[in-house]
Amino acid sequence: MLALTKLLAAANARMIDDWRSAFKRLWSIRVALFWGTVSGLYAAWPSFQDVIPAPVFAAVSAIMSAAIVGARLTKQPGADANG
């Protein structure tokens, strides 16, 4: 955690003051967490690898990555102090 704090300080980044209440509006974070969970399950549970072919998973992964970027670039009302 100390390394993350140093990294954020070096980047001059500020965390959202009340991130717990803002979480429901931060779609980029929600999409990233969802896809991270799905990717982890796919890698950890071999039976998924038999159901979902690797090329299909790779294509869906690319689409989800684009969705994360799109969600991050979209103005998310209420996520900042100015609304």
N, C-alpha and C. Protein backbone atom coordinates (compact mmCIF):
# COMPACT_ATOMS: atom_id res chain seq x y z
N MET A 1 0.83 -1.20 0.00
CA MET A 1 0.00 0.00 0.00
C MET A 1 0.86 1.25 0.00
N LEU A 2 2.01 1.17 0.65
CA LEU A 2 2.92 2.31 0.69
C LEU A 2 3.43 2.63 -0.71
N ALA A 3 3.71 1.60 -1.51
CA ALA A 3 4.18 1.83 -2.88
C ALA A 3 3.11 2.52 -3.71
N LEU A 4 1.85 2.15 -3.54
CA LEU A 4 0.76 2.79 -4.26
C LEU A 4 0.64 4.26 -3.85
N THR A 5 0.78 4.53 -2.57
CA THR A 5 0.72 5.91 -2.08
C THR A 5 1.84 6.74 -2.70
N LYS A 6 3.04 6.18 -2.77
CA LYS A 6 4.17 6.89 -3.36
C LYS A 6 3.94 7.12 -4.86
N LEU A 7 3.41 6.12 -5.52
CA LEU A 7 3.14 6.24 -6.95
C LEU A 7 2.11 7.34 -7.22
N LEU A 8 1.04 7.36 -6.44
CA LEU A 8 0.01 8.39 -6.60
C LEU A 8 0.57 9.78 -6.30
N ALA A 9 1.41 9.87 -5.28
CA ALA A 9 2.01 11.16 -4.95
C ALA A 9 2.92 11.62 -6.08
N ALA A 10 3.67 10.72 -6.66
CA ALA A 10 4.57 11.06 -7.76
C ALA A 10 3.78 11.51 -8.99
N ALA A 11 2.62 10.94 -9.20
CA ALA A 11 1.78 11.29 -10.34
C ALA A 11 0.91 12.50 -10.05
N ASN A 12 0.99 13.01 -8.83
CA ASN A 12 0.18 14.14 -8.40
C ASN A 12 -1.31 13.83 -8.54
N ALA A 13 -1.66 12.58 -8.25
CA ALA A 13 -3.04 12.11 -8.38
C ALA A 13 -3.77 12.29 -7.05
N ARG A 14 -5.06 12.49 -7.16
CA ARG A 14 -5.89 12.59 -5.97
C ARG A 14 -6.98 11.53 -6.05
N MET A 15 -7.22 10.87 -4.95
CA MET A 15 -8.28 9.87 -4.88
C MET A 15 -9.61 10.60 -4.70
N ILE A 16 -10.69 9.95 -5.08
CA ILE A 16 -12.02 10.50 -4.87
C ILE A 16 -12.29 10.50 -3.36
N ASP A 17 -12.74 11.62 -2.85
CA ASP A 17 -12.92 11.76 -1.41
C ASP A 17 -13.83 10.69 -0.82
N ASP A 18 -15.01 10.52 -1.36
CA ASP A 18 -15.96 9.54 -0.82
C ASP A 18 -16.18 8.45 -1.86
N TRP A 19 -15.15 7.63 -2.08
CA TRP A 19 -15.18 6.65 -3.16
C TRP A 19 -16.25 5.58 -2.94
N ARG A 20 -16.58 5.29 -1.69
CA ARG A 20 -17.59 4.24 -1.44
C ARG A 20 -18.96 4.64 -1.98
N SER A 21 -19.35 5.88 -1.80
CA SER A 21 -20.66 6.30 -2.32
C SER A 21 -20.59 6.60 -3.82
N ALA A 22 -19.40 6.95 -4.33
CA ALA A 22 -19.24 7.24 -5.75
C ALA A 22 -19.11 5.96 -6.58
N PHE A 23 -18.80 4.84 -5.94
CA PHE A 23 -18.55 3.60 -6.66
C PHE A 23 -19.69 3.21 -7.59
N LYS A 24 -20.93 3.41 -7.17
CA LYS A 24 -22.06 3.00 -7.99
C LYS A 24 -22.19 3.83 -9.27
N ARG A 25 -21.50 4.96 -9.33
CA ARG A 25 -21.54 5.80 -10.53
C ARG A 25 -20.29 5.64 -11.40
N LEU A 26 -19.27 4.96 -10.91
CA LEU A 26 -18.01 4.85 -11.62
C LEU A 26 -18.00 3.58 -12.48
N TRP A 27 -18.56 3.68 -13.66
CA TRP A 27 -18.74 2.51 -14.50
C TRP A 27 -17.43 1.91 -14.98
N SER A 28 -16.41 2.71 -15.18
CA SER A 28 -15.14 2.16 -15.63
C SER A 28 -14.57 1.20 -14.59
N ILE A 29 -14.71 1.54 -13.34
CA ILE A 29 -14.23 0.68 -12.26
C ILE A 29 -15.07 -0.59 -12.19
N ARG A 30 -16.37 -0.45 -12.31
CA ARG A 30 -17.25 -1.60 -12.23
C ARG A 30 -17.00 -2.58 -13.38
N VAL A 31 -16.84 -2.05 -14.60
CA VAL A 31 -16.57 -2.90 -15.76
C VAL A 31 -15.23 -3.60 -15.60
N ALA A 32 -14.21 -2.85 -15.13
CA ALA A 32 -12.88 -3.43 -14.95
C ALA A 32 -12.91 -4.54 -13.90
N LEU A 33 -13.60 -4.32 -12.80
CA LEU A 33 -13.71 -5.35 -11.76
C LEU A 33 -14.45 -6.59 -12.26
N PHE A 34 -15.52 -6.37 -13.00
CA PHE A 34 -16.28 -7.48 -13.56
C PHE A 34 -15.40 -8.31 -14.49
N TRP A 35 -14.72 -7.62 -15.41
CA TRP A 35 -13.94 -8.38 -16.37
C TRP A 35 -12.72 -9.02 -15.72
N GLY A 36 -12.15 -8.38 -14.74
CA GLY A 36 -11.05 -9.00 -14.01
C GLY A 36 -11.48 -10.28 -13.33
N THR A 37 -12.68 -10.28 -12.78
CA THR A 37 -13.23 -11.47 -12.14
C THR A 37 -13.46 -12.58 -13.16
N VAL A 38 -14.06 -12.24 -14.29
CA VAL A 38 -14.31 -13.24 -15.33
C VAL A 38 -12.99 -13.81 -15.85
N SER A 39 -12.01 -12.95 -16.08
CA SER A 39 -10.70 -13.41 -16.57
C SER A 39 -10.03 -14.32 -15.56
N GLY A 40 -10.12 -13.97 -14.30
CA GLY A 40 -9.54 -14.81 -13.26
C GLY A 40 -10.20 -16.17 -13.19
N LEU A 41 -11.52 -16.20 -13.29
CA LEU A 41 -12.24 -17.47 -13.29
C LEU A 41 -11.86 -18.32 -14.51
N TYR A 42 -11.74 -17.67 -15.65
CA TYR A 42 -11.39 -18.40 -16.88
C TYR A 42 -10.01 -19.04 -16.75
N ALA A 43 -9.08 -18.31 -16.17
CA ALA A 43 -7.72 -18.83 -16.03
C ALA A 43 -7.63 -19.88 -14.93
N ALA A 44 -8.41 -19.72 -13.87
CA ALA A 44 -8.30 -20.60 -12.71
C ALA A 44 -9.15 -21.86 -12.80
N TRP A 45 -10.19 -21.81 -13.59
CA TRP A 45 -11.12 -22.93 -13.63
C TRP A 45 -11.07 -23.58 -15.02
N PRO A 46 -10.31 -24.65 -15.17
CA PRO A 46 -10.09 -25.25 -16.49
C PRO A 46 -11.37 -25.66 -17.23
N SER A 47 -12.44 -25.93 -16.52
CA SER A 47 -13.66 -26.33 -17.23
C SER A 47 -14.22 -25.21 -18.08
N PHE A 48 -13.96 -23.95 -17.73
CA PHE A 48 -14.38 -22.83 -18.58
C PHE A 48 -13.63 -22.85 -19.91
N GLN A 49 -12.39 -23.31 -19.88
CA GLN A 49 -11.58 -23.31 -21.09
C GLN A 49 -12.09 -24.32 -22.11
N ASP A 50 -12.81 -25.33 -21.66
CA ASP A 50 -13.42 -26.29 -22.59
C ASP A 50 -14.71 -25.75 -23.18
N VAL A 51 -15.40 -24.89 -22.45
CA VAL A 51 -16.69 -24.35 -22.89
C VAL A 51 -16.49 -23.15 -23.82
N ILE A 52 -15.54 -22.29 -23.48
CA ILE A 52 -15.31 -21.07 -24.26
C ILE A 52 -13.97 -21.22 -24.99
N PRO A 53 -14.00 -21.33 -26.31
CA PRO A 53 -12.74 -21.46 -27.06
C PRO A 53 -11.85 -20.22 -26.88
N ALA A 54 -10.56 -20.43 -26.91
CA ALA A 54 -9.60 -19.34 -26.69
C ALA A 54 -9.80 -18.16 -27.65
N PRO A 55 -10.05 -18.38 -28.96
CA PRO A 55 -10.25 -17.22 -29.84
C PRO A 55 -11.49 -16.40 -29.48
N VAL A 56 -12.54 -17.07 -29.04
CA VAL A 56 -13.76 -16.36 -28.62
C VAL A 56 -13.46 -15.54 -27.37
N PHE A 57 -12.76 -16.16 -26.42
CA PHE A 57 -12.42 -15.44 -25.19
C PHE A 57 -11.53 -14.24 -25.50
N ALA A 58 -10.58 -14.40 -26.43
CA ALA A 58 -9.69 -13.30 -26.81
C ALA A 58 -10.49 -12.16 -27.44
N ALA A 59 -11.46 -12.48 -28.29
CA ALA A 59 -12.28 -11.45 -28.92
C ALA A 59 -13.13 -10.72 -27.88
N VAL A 60 -13.75 -11.47 -26.99
CA VAL A 60 -14.56 -10.86 -25.94
C VAL A 60 -13.68 -10.01 -25.02
N SER A 61 -12.47 -10.48 -24.76
CA SER A 61 -11.54 -9.73 -23.93
C SER A 61 -11.19 -8.39 -24.58
N ALA A 62 -10.98 -8.39 -25.87
CA ALA A 62 -10.68 -7.14 -26.58
C ALA A 62 -11.87 -6.18 -26.51
N ILE A 63 -13.07 -6.71 -26.67
CA ILE A 63 -14.28 -5.89 -26.60
C ILE A 63 -14.44 -5.31 -25.18
N MET A 64 -14.21 -6.13 -24.17
CA MET A 64 -14.34 -5.66 -22.80
C MET A 64 -13.28 -4.61 -22.48
N SER A 65 -12.09 -4.78 -22.99
CA SER A 65 -11.04 -3.79 -22.79
C SER A 65 -11.44 -2.46 -23.41
N ALA A 66 -12.01 -2.51 -24.59
CA ALA A 66 -12.50 -1.29 -25.24
C ALA A 66 -13.65 -0.68 -24.43
N ALA A 67 -14.50 -1.52 -23.84
CA ALA A 67 -15.60 -1.01 -23.02
C ALA A 67 -15.06 -0.32 -21.77
N ILE A 68 -13.99 -0.85 -21.19
CA ILE A 68 -13.39 -0.22 -20.03
C ILE A 68 -12.86 1.16 -20.40
N VAL A 69 -12.17 1.24 -21.54
CA VAL A 69 -11.65 2.54 -21.99
C VAL A 69 -12.80 3.49 -22.27
N GLY A 70 -13.83 3.01 -22.95
CA GLY A 70 -14.99 3.86 -23.24
C GLY A 70 -15.67 4.35 -21.98
N ALA A 71 -15.82 3.48 -21.01
CA ALA A 71 -16.45 3.87 -19.76
C ALA A 71 -15.58 4.89 -19.02
N ARG A 72 -14.28 4.74 -19.12
CA ARG A 72 -13.38 5.66 -18.43
C ARG A 72 -13.39 7.03 -19.07
N LEU A 73 -13.55 7.09 -20.39
CA LEU A 73 -13.55 8.37 -21.09
C LEU A 73 -14.90 9.08 -21.05
N THR A 74 -15.95 8.36 -20.71
CA THR A 74 -17.28 8.93 -20.63
C THR A 74 -17.43 9.74 -19.36
N LYS A 75 -17.99 10.93 -19.47
CA LYS A 75 -18.22 11.74 -18.28
C LYS A 75 -19.21 11.00 -17.39
N GLN A 76 -18.83 10.84 -16.16
CA GLN A 76 -19.65 10.11 -15.20
C GLN A 76 -20.20 11.11 -14.18
N PRO A 77 -21.45 11.53 -14.37
CA PRO A 77 -22.03 12.56 -13.50
C PRO A 77 -21.92 12.20 -12.02
N GLY A 78 -21.58 13.16 -11.23
CA GLY A 78 -21.50 12.96 -9.79
C GLY A 78 -20.20 12.38 -9.31
N ALA A 79 -19.30 12.04 -10.23
CA ALA A 79 -18.02 11.43 -9.82
C ALA A 79 -17.03 12.48 -9.36
N ASP A 80 -17.24 13.71 -9.71
CA ASP A 80 -16.34 14.76 -9.25
C ASP A 80 -17.11 15.80 -8.44
N ALA A 81 -16.42 16.71 -7.86
CA ALA A 81 -17.05 17.71 -6.97
C ALA A 81 -17.97 18.64 -7.74
N ASN A 82 -17.73 18.82 -9.03
CA ASN A 82 -18.53 19.76 -9.83
C ASN A 82 -19.82 19.13 -10.37
N GLY A 83 -19.95 17.80 -10.24
CA GLY A 83 -21.16 17.12 -10.65
C GLY A 83 -21.23 16.94 -12.12
